[in-house]
Amino acid sequence: QVQLVQSGGGQVQPGGSLRLSCAASGRTFSTLPMAWFRQAPGKEREFVAARKWTGGVTYTTYSGKGRFTVSRDNGKNTEYLQMNNLQPEDTAVYYCAAGSGSPIVSALRDASTFDVWGQGTQVTVSS
């Protein structure tokens, strides 16, 4: 079973950028669907972005305004979340997650689709 280890969080000022990493151990996740969720204090976990690869085609889905993008380095077994123009409301603990099989794209927004989760990493955006 895959295990996910996250890194790349930190504190930035509004307008700054961060790239979060989610490295898989145990096995490659070259074909695993991957997603990013976040949870801020007092809020429920919310979907951020997801990506899957099926039949040689990559499918992505996002929640946001075009500031975040996901990518994958299969050679490093690592998924990335690039976050640009960060704002204070982006402050949260960010989690990566991996699923199995080939869920439909809409299901990638549902946390229940994923059964392996990273430990989370704090992102703080403040002046």
Protein backbone atom coordinates (compact mmCIF):
# COMPACT_ATOMS: atom_id res chain seq x y z
CA GLN A 1 0.00 0.00 0.00
CA VAL A 2 1.20 3.49 -0.77
CA GLN A 3 2.20 5.86 2.02
CA LEU A 4 2.26 9.62 1.52
CA VAL A 5 4.74 12.05 3.05
CA GLN A 6 4.17 15.76 2.60
CA SER A 7 6.51 18.71 2.61
CA GLY A 8 6.72 22.26 1.36
CA GLY A 9 4.42 24.10 3.70
CA GLY A 10 5.34 27.26 5.48
CA GLN A 11 4.50 30.89 6.01
CA VAL A 12 4.27 33.43 3.24
CA GLN A 13 2.95 36.93 2.82
CA PRO A 14 -0.13 37.60 0.73
CA GLY A 15 0.69 37.31 -2.93
CA GLY A 16 3.43 34.80 -2.31
CA SER A 17 3.77 31.29 -3.65
CA LEU A 18 4.43 27.85 -2.28
CA ARG A 19 4.83 24.44 -3.82
CA LEU A 20 3.67 21.53 -1.74
CA SER A 21 5.06 18.07 -2.32
CA CYS A 22 3.47 14.71 -1.67
CA ALA A 23 5.91 11.84 -2.00
CA ALA A 24 4.75 8.26 -2.17
CA SER A 25 6.54 5.39 -0.52
CA GLY A 26 5.76 1.73 -0.70
CA ARG A 27 4.98 1.71 -4.37
CA THR A 28 4.76 4.00 -7.31
CA PHE A 29 1.61 6.03 -7.70
CA SER A 30 2.06 6.75 -11.35
CA THR A 31 -1.49 5.68 -12.06
CA LEU A 32 -3.13 6.55 -8.76
CA PRO A 33 -5.68 9.33 -8.59
CA MET A 34 -4.41 12.10 -6.33
CA ALA A 35 -6.10 15.00 -4.63
CA TRP A 36 -5.42 17.89 -2.32
CA PHE A 37 -7.72 18.99 0.46
CA ARG A 38 -7.35 21.61 3.14
CA GLN A 39 -8.82 22.30 6.52
CA ALA A 40 -8.75 25.64 8.28
CA PRO A 41 -9.57 26.20 11.95
CA GLY A 42 -13.29 26.15 12.49
CA LYS A 43 -13.98 24.89 8.99
CA GLU A 44 -14.67 21.55 7.43
CA ARG A 45 -12.20 19.92 5.13
CA GLU A 46 -12.57 21.27 1.62
CA PHE A 47 -11.46 20.18 -1.79
CA VAL A 48 -8.61 22.02 -3.48
CA ALA A 49 -7.46 20.11 -6.55
CA ALA A 50 -7.18 16.63 -7.97
CA ARG A 51 -5.65 14.76 -10.84
CA LYS A 52 -5.98 11.32 -12.34
CA TRP A 53 -4.46 9.50 -15.25
CA THR A 54 -6.61 7.07 -17.15
CA GLY A 55 -5.98 5.47 -20.50
CA GLY A 56 -3.07 7.76 -21.23
CA VAL A 57 -5.11 10.88 -20.57
CA THR A 58 -4.71 13.20 -17.60
CA TYR A 59 -7.81 14.66 -16.01
CA THR A 60 -7.69 17.49 -13.53
CA THR A 61 -10.26 19.36 -11.53
CA TYR A 62 -9.87 22.39 -9.31
CA SER A 63 -11.68 24.48 -6.80
CA GLY A 64 -10.48 28.01 -7.03
CA LYS A 65 -9.68 30.87 -9.32
CA GLY A 66 -6.78 29.51 -11.32
CA ARG A 67 -4.17 30.13 -8.64
CA PHE A 68 -3.41 26.49 -7.90
CA THR A 69 -2.13 23.79 -10.21
CA VAL A 70 -1.25 20.15 -9.72
CA SER A 71 1.47 18.16 -11.38
CA ARG A 72 3.15 14.81 -10.96
CA ASP A 73 6.68 13.51 -11.31
CA ASN A 74 6.32 9.79 -11.78
CA GLY A 75 10.07 9.27 -11.64
CA LYS A 76 10.11 10.70 -8.12
CA ASN A 77 6.73 9.29 -7.14
CA THR A 78 5.78 12.80 -6.14
CA GLU A 79 2.69 14.91 -6.60
CA TYR A 80 2.94 18.69 -6.42
CA LEU A 81 0.53 21.46 -5.64
CA GLN A 82 1.75 24.82 -6.91
CA MET A 83 0.02 27.67 -5.12
CA ASN A 84 0.36 31.21 -6.41
CA ASN A 85 -0.98 34.54 -5.24
CA LEU A 86 -1.74 33.13 -1.83
CA GLN A 87 -4.18 34.97 0.36
CA PRO A 88 -4.90 34.85 4.09
CA GLU A 89 -8.01 32.79 3.47
CA ASP A 90 -5.77 30.07 2.05
CA THR A 91 -4.32 29.49 5.50
CA ALA A 92 -5.01 25.88 6.41
CA VAL A 93 -3.52 22.47 6.87
CA TYR A 94 -3.15 20.96 3.43
CA TYR A 95 -3.48 17.24 2.88
CA CYS A 96 -2.68 15.13 -0.11
CA ALA A 97 -4.53 11.91 -0.70
CA ALA A 98 -4.37 8.92 -2.98
CA GLY A 99 -7.11 6.69 -4.21
CA SER A 100 -7.27 3.57 -6.28
CA GLY A 101 -8.86 2.46 -9.47
CA SER A 102 -10.20 5.08 -11.79
CA PRO A 103 -12.87 7.23 -10.20
CA ILE A 104 -14.89 9.54 -12.35
CA VAL A 105 -13.64 13.09 -12.39
CA SER A 106 -16.48 14.42 -10.27
CA ALA A 107 -15.66 11.90 -7.55
CA LEU A 108 -12.20 13.41 -7.19
CA ARG A 109 -13.78 16.25 -5.25
CA ASP A 110 -15.09 13.83 -2.64
CA ALA A 111 -12.75 12.95 0.21
CA SER A 112 -14.37 9.54 0.54
CA THR A 113 -12.85 8.61 -2.81
CA PHE A 114 -9.41 8.52 -1.21
CA ASP A 115 -8.17 5.97 1.26
CA VAL A 116 -4.55 7.00 1.82
CA TRP A 117 -3.70 10.39 3.24
CA GLY A 118 -0.59 12.38 3.92
CA GLN A 119 0.16 13.77 7.35
CA GLY A 120 -0.77 17.30 6.36
CA THR A 121 1.35 20.42 6.17
CA GLN A 122 0.59 23.87 7.50
CA VAL A 123 0.29 26.77 5.10
CA THR A 124 0.05 30.18 6.71
CA VAL A 125 -0.52 33.33 4.70
CA SER A 126 -0.18 36.52 6.70
CA SER A 127 1.27 39.99 6.50
